[in-house]
Amino acid sequence: ALICFRILQGAAGGALIPMSQAIMIETFPVQERGMAMSIFGIGAM
């Protein structure tokens, strides 16, 4: 059961990081995207 649930969890989690980054890039203006991605990177670390 744990393995089956981890498959579901991995499938749902697979899109979280790229979707989050896409939304961040869409939210910030071009001149602030580097700063936004570095803040995202700090959180990811």
All heavy atoms as atom14 arrays in JSON, in Angstrom:
{
  "sequence": "ALICFRILQGAAGGALIPMSQAIMIETFPVQERGMAMSIFGIGAM",
  "atom14_mask": [
    [1, 1, 1, 1, 1, 0, 0, 0, 0, 0, 0, 0, 0, 0],
    [1, 1, 1, 1, 1, 1, 1, 1, 0, 0, 0, 0, 0, 0],
    [1, 1, 1, 1, 1, 1, 1, 1, 0, 0, 0, 0, 0, 0],
    [1, 1, 1, 1, 1, 1, 0, 0, 0, 0, 0, 0, 0, 0],
    [1, 1, 1, 1, 1, 1, 1, 1, 1, 1, 1, 0, 0, 0],
    [1, 1, 1, 1, 1, 1, 1, 1, 1, 1, 1, 0, 0, 0],
    [1, 1, 1, 1, 1, 1, 1, 1, 0, 0, 0, 0, 0, 0],
    [1, 1, 1, 1, 1, 1, 1, 1, 0, 0, 0, 0, 0, 0],
    [1, 1, 1, 1, 1, 1, 1, 1, 1, 0, 0, 0, 0, 0],
    [1, 1, 1, 1, 0, 0, 0, 0, 0, 0, 0, 0, 0, 0],
    [1, 1, 1, 1, 1, 0, 0, 0, 0, 0, 0, 0, 0, 0],
    [1, 1, 1, 1, 1, 0, 0, 0, 0, 0, 0, 0, 0, 0],
    [1, 1, 1, 1, 0, 0, 0, 0, 0, 0, 0, 0, 0, 0],
    [1, 1, 1, 1, 0, 0, 0, 0, 0, 0, 0, 0, 0, 0],
    [1, 1, 1, 1, 1, 0, 0, 0, 0, 0, 0, 0, 0, 0],
    [1, 1, 1, 1, 1, 1, 1, 1, 0, 0, 0, 0, 0, 0],
    [1, 1, 1, 1, 1, 1, 1, 1, 0, 0, 0, 0, 0, 0],
    [1, 1, 1, 1, 1, 1, 1, 0, 0, 0, 0, 0, 0, 0],
    [1, 1, 1, 1, 1, 1, 1, 1, 0, 0, 0, 0, 0, 0],
    [1, 1, 1, 1, 1, 1, 0, 0, 0, 0, 0, 0, 0, 0],
    [1, 1, 1, 1, 1, 1, 1, 1, 1, 0, 0, 0, 0, 0],
    [1, 1, 1, 1, 1, 0, 0, 0, 0, 0, 0, 0, 0, 0],
    [1, 1, 1, 1, 1, 1, 1, 1, 0, 0, 0, 0, 0, 0],
    [1, 1, 1, 1, 1, 1, 1, 1, 0, 0, 0, 0, 0, 0],
    [1, 1, 1, 1, 1, 1, 1, 1, 0, 0, 0, 0, 0, 0],
    [1, 1, 1, 1, 1, 1, 1, 1, 1, 0, 0, 0, 0, 0],
    [1, 1, 1, 1, 1, 1, 1, 0, 0, 0, 0, 0, 0, 0],
    [1, 1, 1, 1, 1, 1, 1, 1, 1, 1, 1, 0, 0, 0],
    [1, 1, 1, 1, 1, 1, 1, 0, 0, 0, 0, 0, 0, 0],
    [1, 1, 1, 1, 1, 1, 1, 0, 0, 0, 0, 0, 0, 0],
    [1, 1, 1, 1, 1, 1, 1, 1, 1, 0, 0, 0, 0, 0],
    [1, 1, 1, 1, 1, 1, 1, 1, 1, 0, 0, 0, 0, 0],
    [1, 1, 1, 1, 1, 1, 1, 1, 1, 1, 1, 0, 0, 0],
    [1, 1, 1, 1, 0, 0, 0, 0, 0, 0, 0, 0, 0, 0],
    [1, 1, 1, 1, 1, 1, 1, 1, 0, 0, 0, 0, 0, 0],
    [1, 1, 1, 1, 1, 0, 0, 0, 0, 0, 0, 0, 0, 0],
    [1, 1, 1, 1, 1, 1, 1, 1, 0, 0, 0, 0, 0, 0],
    [1, 1, 1, 1, 1, 1, 0, 0, 0, 0, 0, 0, 0, 0],
    [1, 1, 1, 1, 1, 1, 1, 1, 0, 0, 0, 0, 0, 0],
    [1, 1, 1, 1, 1, 1, 1, 1, 1, 1, 1, 0, 0, 0],
    [1, 1, 1, 1, 0, 0, 0, 0, 0, 0, 0, 0, 0, 0],
    [1, 1, 1, 1, 1, 1, 1, 1, 0, 0, 0, 0, 0, 0],
    [1, 1, 1, 1, 0, 0, 0, 0, 0, 0, 0, 0, 0, 0],
    [1, 1, 1, 1, 1, 0, 0, 0, 0, 0, 0, 0, 0, 0],
    [1, 1, 1, 1, 1, 1, 1, 1, 0, 0, 0, 0, 0, 0]
  ],
  "atom14_positions": [
    [[0.84, -1.21, 0.0], [0.0, 0.0, 0.0], [0.86, 1.25, 0.0], [0.58, 2.21, -0.73], [-0.94, 0.0, 1.2], [0.0, 0.0, 0.0], [0.0, 0.0, 0.0], [0.0, 0.0, 0.0], [0.0, 0.0, 0.0], [0.0, 0.0, 0.0], [0.0, 0.0, 0.0], [0.0, 0.0, 0.0], [0.0, 0.0, 0.0], [0.0, 0.0, 0.0]],
    [[1.93, 1.24, 0.8], [2.81, 2.4, 0.87], [3.44, 2.68, -0.5], [3.49, 3.84, -0.93], [3.9, 2.19, 1.92], [4.89, 3.32, 2.12], [4.2, 4.62, 2.5], [5.91, 2.94, 3.19], [0.0, 0.0, 0.0], [0.0, 0.0, 0.0], [0.0, 0.0, 0.0], [0.0, 0.0, 0.0], [0.0, 0.0, 0.0], [0.0, 0.0, 0.0]],
    [[3.86, 1.66, -1.2], [4.45, 1.84, -2.52], [3.42, 2.4, -3.5], [3.71, 3.31, -4.27], [5.07, 0.52, -3.03], [6.31, 0.18, -2.2], [5.42, 0.61, -4.51], [6.87, -1.2, -2.43], [0.0, 0.0, 0.0], [0.0, 0.0, 0.0], [0.0, 0.0, 0.0], [0.0, 0.0, 0.0], [0.0, 0.0, 0.0], [0.0, 0.0, 0.0]],
    [[2.21, 1.88, -3.46], [1.14, 2.39, -4.34], [0.84, 3.86, -4.05], [0.69, 4.67, -4.97], [-0.12, 1.56, -4.19], [0.04, -0.11, -4.87], [0.0, 0.0, 0.0], [0.0, 0.0, 0.0], [0.0, 0.0, 0.0], [0.0, 0.0, 0.0], [0.0, 0.0, 0.0], [0.0, 0.0, 0.0], [0.0, 0.0, 0.0], [0.0, 0.0, 0.0]],
    [[0.77, 4.2, -2.77], [0.49, 5.58, -2.4], [1.66, 6.5, -2.77], [1.46, 7.66, -3.13], [0.17, 5.7, -0.91], [-1.06, 4.93, -0.5], [-1.14, 4.37, 0.76], [-2.14, 4.75, -1.37], [-2.27, 3.65, 1.15], [-3.26, 4.05, -0.99], [-3.33, 3.49, 0.27], [0.0, 0.0, 0.0], [0.0, 0.0, 0.0], [0.0, 0.0, 0.0]],
    [[2.88, 5.98, -2.69], [4.04, 6.78, -3.09], [4.04, 7.02, -4.61], [4.51, 8.05, -5.07], [5.35, 6.1, -2.67], [5.62, 6.14, -1.19], [6.09, 7.46, -0.7], [7.46, 7.69, -1.16], [8.15, 8.78, -0.89], [7.62, 9.74, -0.18], [9.37, 8.94, -1.35], [0.0, 0.0, 0.0], [0.0, 0.0, 0.0], [0.0, 0.0, 0.0]],
    [[3.52, 6.08, -5.37], [3.4, 6.29, -6.83], [2.45, 7.46, -7.09], [2.76, 8.35, -7.88], [2.92, 5.0, -7.53], [4.02, 3.95, -7.51], [2.47, 5.28, -8.96], [3.58, 2.56, -7.96], [0.0, 0.0, 0.0], [0.0, 0.0, 0.0], [0.0, 0.0, 0.0], [0.0, 0.0, 0.0], [0.0, 0.0, 0.0], [0.0, 0.0, 0.0]],
    [[1.31, 7.46, -6.41], [0.36, 8.57, -6.55], [0.98, 9.89, -6.08], [0.84, 10.92, -6.74], [-0.91, 8.27, -5.76], [-1.98, 9.36, -5.76], [-2.5, 9.62, -7.17], [-3.12, 8.97, -4.83], [0.0, 0.0, 0.0], [0.0, 0.0, 0.0], [0.0, 0.0, 0.0], [0.0, 0.0, 0.0], [0.0, 0.0, 0.0], [0.0, 0.0, 0.0]],
    [[1.69, 9.83, -4.98], [2.32, 11.03, -4.43], [3.39, 11.57, -5.38], [3.47, 12.78, -5.61], [2.94, 10.69, -3.08], [3.42, 11.87, -2.29], [4.01, 11.43, -0.97], [4.68, 10.4, -0.89], [3.79, 12.22, 0.06], [0.0, 0.0, 0.0], [0.0, 0.0, 0.0], [0.0, 0.0, 0.0], [0.0, 0.0, 0.0], [0.0, 0.0, 0.0]],
    [[4.18, 10.7, -5.95], [5.22, 11.14, -6.9], [4.62, 11.71, -8.17], [5.13, 12.69, -8.72], [0.0, 0.0, 0.0], [0.0, 0.0, 0.0], [0.0, 0.0, 0.0], [0.0, 0.0, 0.0], [0.0, 0.0, 0.0], [0.0, 0.0, 0.0], [0.0, 0.0, 0.0], [0.0, 0.0, 0.0], [0.0, 0.0, 0.0], [0.0, 0.0, 0.0]],
    [[3.53, 11.11, -8.65], [2.88, 11.63, -9.85], [2.3, 13.01, -9.6], [2.41, 13.91, -10.43], [1.78, 10.67, -10.3], [0.0, 0.0, 0.0], [0.0, 0.0, 0.0], [0.0, 0.0, 0.0], [0.0, 0.0, 0.0], [0.0, 0.0, 0.0], [0.0, 0.0, 0.0], [0.0, 0.0, 0.0], [0.0, 0.0, 0.0], [0.0, 0.0, 0.0]],
    [[1.69, 13.21, -8.44], [1.13, 14.52, -8.12], [2.22, 15.54, -7.84], [2.1, 16.71, -8.2], [0.21, 14.41, -6.9], [0.0, 0.0, 0.0], [0.0, 0.0, 0.0], [0.0, 0.0, 0.0], [0.0, 0.0, 0.0], [0.0, 0.0, 0.0], [0.0, 0.0, 0.0], [0.0, 0.0, 0.0], [0.0, 0.0, 0.0], [0.0, 0.0, 0.0]],
    [[3.3, 15.1, -7.23], [4.39, 16.02, -6.9], [5.29, 16.37, -8.07], [5.99, 17.38, -8.04], [0.0, 0.0, 0.0], [0.0, 0.0, 0.0], [0.0, 0.0, 0.0], [0.0, 0.0, 0.0], [0.0, 0.0, 0.0], [0.0, 0.0, 0.0], [0.0, 0.0, 0.0], [0.0, 0.0, 0.0], [0.0, 0.0, 0.0], [0.0, 0.0, 0.0]],
    [[5.26, 15.56, -9.12], [6.14, 15.8, -10.26], [5.93, 17.13, -10.94], [6.86, 17.71, -11.49], [0.0, 0.0, 0.0], [0.0, 0.0, 0.0], [0.0, 0.0, 0.0], [0.0, 0.0, 0.0], [0.0, 0.0, 0.0], [0.0, 0.0, 0.0], [0.0, 0.0, 0.0], [0.0, 0.0, 0.0], [0.0, 0.0, 0.0], [0.0, 0.0, 0.0]],
    [[4.73, 17.64, -10.89], [4.43, 18.89, -11.57], [4.56, 20.12, -10.67], [4.51, 21.24, -11.16], [3.01, 18.84, -12.13], [0.0, 0.0, 0.0], [0.0, 0.0, 0.0], [0.0, 0.0, 0.0], [0.0, 0.0, 0.0], [0.0, 0.0, 0.0], [0.0, 0.0, 0.0], [0.0, 0.0, 0.0], [0.0, 0.0, 0.0], [0.0, 0.0, 0.0]],
    [[4.73, 19.93, -9.38], [4.7, 21.07, -8.46], [5.84, 22.07, -8.69], [5.61, 23.28, -8.71], [4.71, 20.59, -7.0], [3.45, 19.86, -6.55], [3.59, 19.39, -5.11], [2.23, 20.75, -6.7], [0.0, 0.0, 0.0], [0.0, 0.0, 0.0], [0.0, 0.0, 0.0], [0.0, 0.0, 0.0], [0.0, 0.0, 0.0], [0.0, 0.0, 0.0]],
    [[7.04, 21.59, -8.88], [8.17, 22.52, -9.06], [8.11, 23.23, -10.4], [8.21, 24.46, -10.44], [9.51, 21.79, -8.83], [9.61, 21.41, -7.35], [10.68, 22.68, -9.23], [10.82, 20.6, -6.99], [0.0, 0.0, 0.0], [0.0, 0.0, 0.0], [0.0, 0.0, 0.0], [0.0, 0.0, 0.0], [0.0, 0.0, 0.0], [0.0, 0.0, 0.0]],
    [[7.92, 22.53, -11.53], [7.85, 23.29, -12.79], [6.66, 24.24, -12.86], [6.78, 25.34, -13.4], [7.76, 22.21, -13.87], [7.61, 20.93, -13.2], [7.93, 21.1, -11.76], [0.0, 0.0, 0.0], [0.0, 0.0, 0.0], [0.0, 0.0, 0.0], [0.0, 0.0, 0.0], [0.0, 0.0, 0.0], [0.0, 0.0, 0.0], [0.0, 0.0, 0.0]],
    [[5.53, 23.84, -12.28], [4.38, 24.74, -12.27], [4.65, 25.96, -11.4], [4.28, 27.08, -11.76], [3.13, 24.0, -11.76], [2.61, 22.95, -12.7], [2.12, 23.61, -14.29], [0.85, 24.74, -13.79], [0.0, 0.0, 0.0], [0.0, 0.0, 0.0], [0.0, 0.0, 0.0], [0.0, 0.0, 0.0], [0.0, 0.0, 0.0], [0.0, 0.0, 0.0]],
    [[5.28, 25.74, -10.26], [5.6, 26.86, -9.37], [6.55, 27.84, -10.07], [6.38, 29.05, -9.99], [6.24, 26.35, -8.08], [5.32, 25.57, -7.35], [0.0, 0.0, 0.0], [0.0, 0.0, 0.0], [0.0, 0.0, 0.0], [0.0, 0.0, 0.0], [0.0, 0.0, 0.0], [0.0, 0.0, 0.0], [0.0, 0.0, 0.0], [0.0, 0.0, 0.0]],
    [[7.55, 27.31, -10.74], [8.5, 28.17, -11.45], [7.82, 28.92, -12.6], [8.1, 30.1, -12.82], [9.68, 27.36, -11.96], [10.58, 26.89, -10.85], [11.71, 26.03, -11.35], [11.59, 25.3, -12.33], [12.84, 26.09, -10.65], [0.0, 0.0, 0.0], [0.0, 0.0, 0.0], [0.0, 0.0, 0.0], [0.0, 0.0, 0.0], [0.0, 0.0, 0.0]],
    [[6.94, 28.26, -13.32], [6.23, 28.92, -14.41], [5.36, 30.06, -13.88], [5.31, 31.15, -14.48], [5.37, 27.91, -15.17], [0.0, 0.0, 0.0], [0.0, 0.0, 0.0], [0.0, 0.0, 0.0], [0.0, 0.0, 0.0], [0.0, 0.0, 0.0], [0.0, 0.0, 0.0], [0.0, 0.0, 0.0], [0.0, 0.0, 0.0], [0.0, 0.0, 0.0]],
    [[4.7, 29.84, -12.78], [3.86, 30.89, -12.19], [4.72, 32.03, -11.68], [4.36, 33.21, -11.84], [2.98, 30.29, -11.07], [1.91, 29.39, -11.69], [2.34, 31.39, -10.22], [1.13, 28.56, -10.71], [0.0, 0.0, 0.0], [0.0, 0.0, 0.0], [0.0, 0.0, 0.0], [0.0, 0.0, 0.0], [0.0, 0.0, 0.0], [0.0, 0.0, 0.0]],
    [[5.87, 31.73, -11.11], [6.78, 32.8, -10.65], [7.26, 33.64, -11.83], [7.28, 34.87, -11.74], [8.0, 32.18, -9.94], [7.67, 31.5, -8.64], [7.76, 32.56, -7.22], [9.44, 33.05, -7.21], [0.0, 0.0, 0.0], [0.0, 0.0, 0.0], [0.0, 0.0, 0.0], [0.0, 0.0, 0.0], [0.0, 0.0, 0.0], [0.0, 0.0, 0.0]],
    [[7.64, 32.99, -12.91], [8.12, 33.73, -14.08], [7.0, 34.59, -14.67], [7.23, 35.71, -15.1], [8.7, 32.77, -15.13], [10.05, 32.26, -14.64], [8.83, 33.41, -16.5], [10.7, 31.23, -15.51], [0.0, 0.0, 0.0], [0.0, 0.0, 0.0], [0.0, 0.0, 0.0], [0.0, 0.0, 0.0], [0.0, 0.0, 0.0], [0.0, 0.0, 0.0]],
    [[5.79, 34.07, -14.65], [4.65, 34.82, -15.16], [4.28, 36.0, -14.26], [3.79, 37.02, -14.73], [3.46, 33.86, -15.28], [2.27, 34.43, -15.99], [1.19, 33.38, -16.11], [0.43, 33.19, -15.15], [1.13, 32.74, -17.17], [0.0, 0.0, 0.0], [0.0, 0.0, 0.0], [0.0, 0.0, 0.0], [0.0, 0.0, 0.0], [0.0, 0.0, 0.0]],
    [[4.52, 35.87, -12.98], [4.12, 36.88, -12.0], [5.06, 38.08, -11.98], [4.62, 39.22, -11.86], [4.05, 36.26, -10.59], [3.11, 35.18, -10.62], [3.62, 37.26, -9.55], [0.0, 0.0, 0.0], [0.0, 0.0, 0.0], [0.0, 0.0, 0.0], [0.0, 0.0, 0.0], [0.0, 0.0, 0.0], [0.0, 0.0, 0.0], [0.0, 0.0, 0.0]],
    [[6.36, 37.83, -12.08], [7.34, 38.91, -11.96], [7.69, 39.5, -13.31], [7.77, 38.78, -14.31], [8.61, 38.37, -11.29], [8.48, 38.19, -9.81], [7.94, 37.03, -9.28], [8.89, 39.2, -8.94], [7.81, 36.86, -7.92], [8.76, 39.04, -7.58], [8.22, 37.87, -7.07], [0.0, 0.0, 0.0], [0.0, 0.0, 0.0], [0.0, 0.0, 0.0]],
    [[7.91, 40.81, -13.36], [8.37, 41.43, -14.62], [9.77, 40.93, -14.96], [10.5, 40.44, -14.1], [8.36, 42.93, -14.31], [8.25, 43.07, -12.85], [7.72, 41.8, -12.3], [0.0, 0.0, 0.0], [0.0, 0.0, 0.0], [0.0, 0.0, 0.0], [0.0, 0.0, 0.0], [0.0, 0.0, 0.0], [0.0, 0.0, 0.0], [0.0, 0.0, 0.0]],
    [[10.14, 41.1, -16.21], [11.4, 40.56, -16.71], [12.6, 41.01, -15.87], [13.47, 40.2, -15.54], [11.61, 40.98, -18.19], [12.96, 40.54, -18.71], [10.5, 40.42, -19.06], [0.0, 0.0, 0.0], [0.0, 0.0, 0.0], [0.0, 0.0, 0.0], [0.0, 0.0, 0.0], [0.0, 0.0, 0.0], [0.0, 0.0, 0.0], [0.0, 0.0, 0.0]],
    [[12.63, 42.26, -15.47], [13.78, 42.77, -14.72], [13.86, 42.21, -13.3], [14.9, 42.3, -12.66], [13.8, 44.3, -14.69], [12.63, 44.94, -13.97], [11.42, 45.17, -14.85], [11.28, 44.6, -15.92], [10.51, 46.02, -14.39], [0.0, 0.0, 0.0], [0.0, 0.0, 0.0], [0.0, 0.0, 0.0], [0.0, 0.0, 0.0], [0.0, 0.0, 0.0]],
    [[12.79, 41.59, -12.79], [12.79, 41.04, -11.43], [12.8, 39.5, -11.4], [12.8, 38.91, -10.33], [11.56, 41.54, -10.66], [11.56, 43.02, -10.41], [10.31, 43.48, -9.67], [9.44, 42.63, -9.36], [10.2, 44.68, -9.42], [0.0, 0.0, 0.0], [0.0, 0.0, 0.0], [0.0, 0.0, 0.0], [0.0, 0.0, 0.0], [0.0, 0.0, 0.0]],
    [[12.84, 38.87, -12.55], [12.77, 37.4, -12.6], [13.99, 36.73, -12.0], [13.87, 35.68, -11.36], [12.55, 36.92, -14.03], [11.15, 37.18, -14.49], [10.9, 36.67, -15.87], [9.56, 37.04, -16.28], [9.15, 37.06, -17.52], [9.98, 36.71, -18.5], [7.92, 37.42, -17.8], [0.0, 0.0, 0.0], [0.0, 0.0, 0.0], [0.0, 0.0, 0.0]],
    [[15.16, 37.3, -12.19], [16.37, 36.73, -11.59], [16.28, 36.72, -10.08], [16.6, 35.73, -9.42], [0.0, 0.0, 0.0], [0.0, 0.0, 0.0], [0.0, 0.0, 0.0], [0.0, 0.0, 0.0], [0.0, 0.0, 0.0], [0.0, 0.0, 0.0], [0.0, 0.0, 0.0], [0.0, 0.0, 0.0], [0.0, 0.0, 0.0], [0.0, 0.0, 0.0]],
    [[15.82, 37.83, -9.52], [15.65, 37.91, -8.08], [14.59, 36.91, -7.61], [14.77, 36.22, -6.6], [15.23, 39.33, -7.67], [14.92, 39.47, -6.2], [14.01, 40.95, -5.79], [12.53, 40.78, -6.75], [0.0, 0.0, 0.0], [0.0, 0.0, 0.0], [0.0, 0.0, 0.0], [0.0, 0.0, 0.0], [0.0, 0.0, 0.0], [0.0, 0.0, 0.0]],
    [[13.5, 36.8, -8.34], [12.42, 35.89, -7.96], [12.9, 34.44, -7.97], [12.61, 33.67, -7.06], [11.23, 36.06, -8.9], [0.0, 0.0, 0.0], [0.0, 0.0, 0.0], [0.0, 0.0, 0.0], [0.0, 0.0, 0.0], [0.0, 0.0, 0.0], [0.0, 0.0, 0.0], [0.0, 0.0, 0.0], [0.0, 0.0, 0.0], [0.0, 0.0, 0.0]],
    [[13.64, 34.06, -9.0], [14.13, 32.69, -9.08], [15.19, 32.41, -8.01], [15.27, 31.29, -7.5], [14.71, 32.41, -10.47], [13.66, 32.26, -11.54], [12.6, 30.82, -11.27], [11.06, 31.58, -10.87], [0.0, 0.0, 0.0], [0.0, 0.0, 0.0], [0.0, 0.0, 0.0], [0.0, 0.0, 0.0], [0.0, 0.0, 0.0], [0.0, 0.0, 0.0]],
    [[15.97, 33.42, -7.62], [16.94, 33.2, -6.55], [16.23, 33.03, -5.21], [16.63, 32.21, -4.39], [17.96, 34.33, -6.49], [17.34, 35.56, -6.18], [0.0, 0.0, 0.0], [0.0, 0.0, 0.0], [0.0, 0.0, 0.0], [0.0, 0.0, 0.0], [0.0, 0.0, 0.0], [0.0, 0.0, 0.0], [0.0, 0.0, 0.0], [0.0, 0.0, 0.0]],
    [[15.16, 33.76, -4.99], [14.36, 33.58, -3.77], [13.72, 32.2, -3.78], [13.71, 31.49, -2.77], [13.3, 34.69, -3.64], [13.99, 36.02, -3.35], [12.28, 34.36, -2.56], [13.08, 37.22, -3.42], [0.0, 0.0, 0.0], [0.0, 0.0, 0.0], [0.0, 0.0, 0.0], [0.0, 0.0, 0.0], [0.0, 0.0, 0.0], [0.0, 0.0, 0.0]],
    [[13.22, 31.77, -4.93], [12.66, 30.44, -5.06], [13.74, 29.39, -4.78], [13.48, 28.39, -4.11], [12.08, 30.24, -6.46], [11.39, 28.93, -6.65], [10.06, 28.78, -6.3], [12.06, 27.85, -7.19], [9.41, 27.57, -6.47], [11.42, 26.64, -7.36], [10.1, 26.5, -7.0], [0.0, 0.0, 0.0], [0.0, 0.0, 0.0], [0.0, 0.0, 0.0]],
    [[14.94, 29.62, -5.28], [16.05, 28.69, -5.05], [16.43, 28.58, -3.59], [16.75, 27.51, -3.1], [0.0, 0.0, 0.0], [0.0, 0.0, 0.0], [0.0, 0.0, 0.0], [0.0, 0.0, 0.0], [0.0, 0.0, 0.0], [0.0, 0.0, 0.0], [0.0, 0.0, 0.0], [0.0, 0.0, 0.0], [0.0, 0.0, 0.0], [0.0, 0.0, 0.0]],
    [[16.39, 29.7, -2.88], [16.68, 29.68, -1.45], [15.64, 28.83, -0.72], [15.97, 28.01, 0.14], [16.74, 31.11, -0.88], [17.98, 31.82, -1.41], [16.75, 31.09, 0.65], [17.99, 33.31, -1.12], [0.0, 0.0, 0.0], [0.0, 0.0, 0.0], [0.0, 0.0, 0.0], [0.0, 0.0, 0.0], [0.0, 0.0, 0.0], [0.0, 0.0, 0.0]],
    [[14.39, 29.02, -1.08], [13.34, 28.2, -0.48], [13.5, 26.73, -0.81], [13.28, 25.86, 0.04], [0.0, 0.0, 0.0], [0.0, 0.0, 0.0], [0.0, 0.0, 0.0], [0.0, 0.0, 0.0], [0.0, 0.0, 0.0], [0.0, 0.0, 0.0], [0.0, 0.0, 0.0], [0.0, 0.0, 0.0], [0.0, 0.0, 0.0], [0.0, 0.0, 0.0]],
    [[13.91, 26.44, -2.04], [14.1, 25.05, -2.46], [15.29, 24.4, -1.76], [15.31, 23.19, -1.56], [14.27, 24.98, -3.98], [0.0, 0.0, 0.0], [0.0, 0.0, 0.0], [0.0, 0.0, 0.0], [0.0, 0.0, 0.0], [0.0, 0.0, 0.0], [0.0, 0.0, 0.0], [0.0, 0.0, 0.0], [0.0, 0.0, 0.0], [0.0, 0.0, 0.0]],
    [[16.27, 25.2, -1.38], [17.45, 24.66, -0.69], [17.12, 24.17, 0.72], [17.82, 23.32, 1.25], [18.57, 25.69, -0.62], [19.28, 25.88, -1.92], [20.62, 27.09, -1.93], [20.78, 27.68, -0.31], [0.0, 0.0, 0.0], [0.0, 0.0, 0.0], [0.0, 0.0, 0.0], [0.0, 0.0, 0.0], [0.0, 0.0, 0.0], [0.0, 0.0, 0.0]]
  ]
}
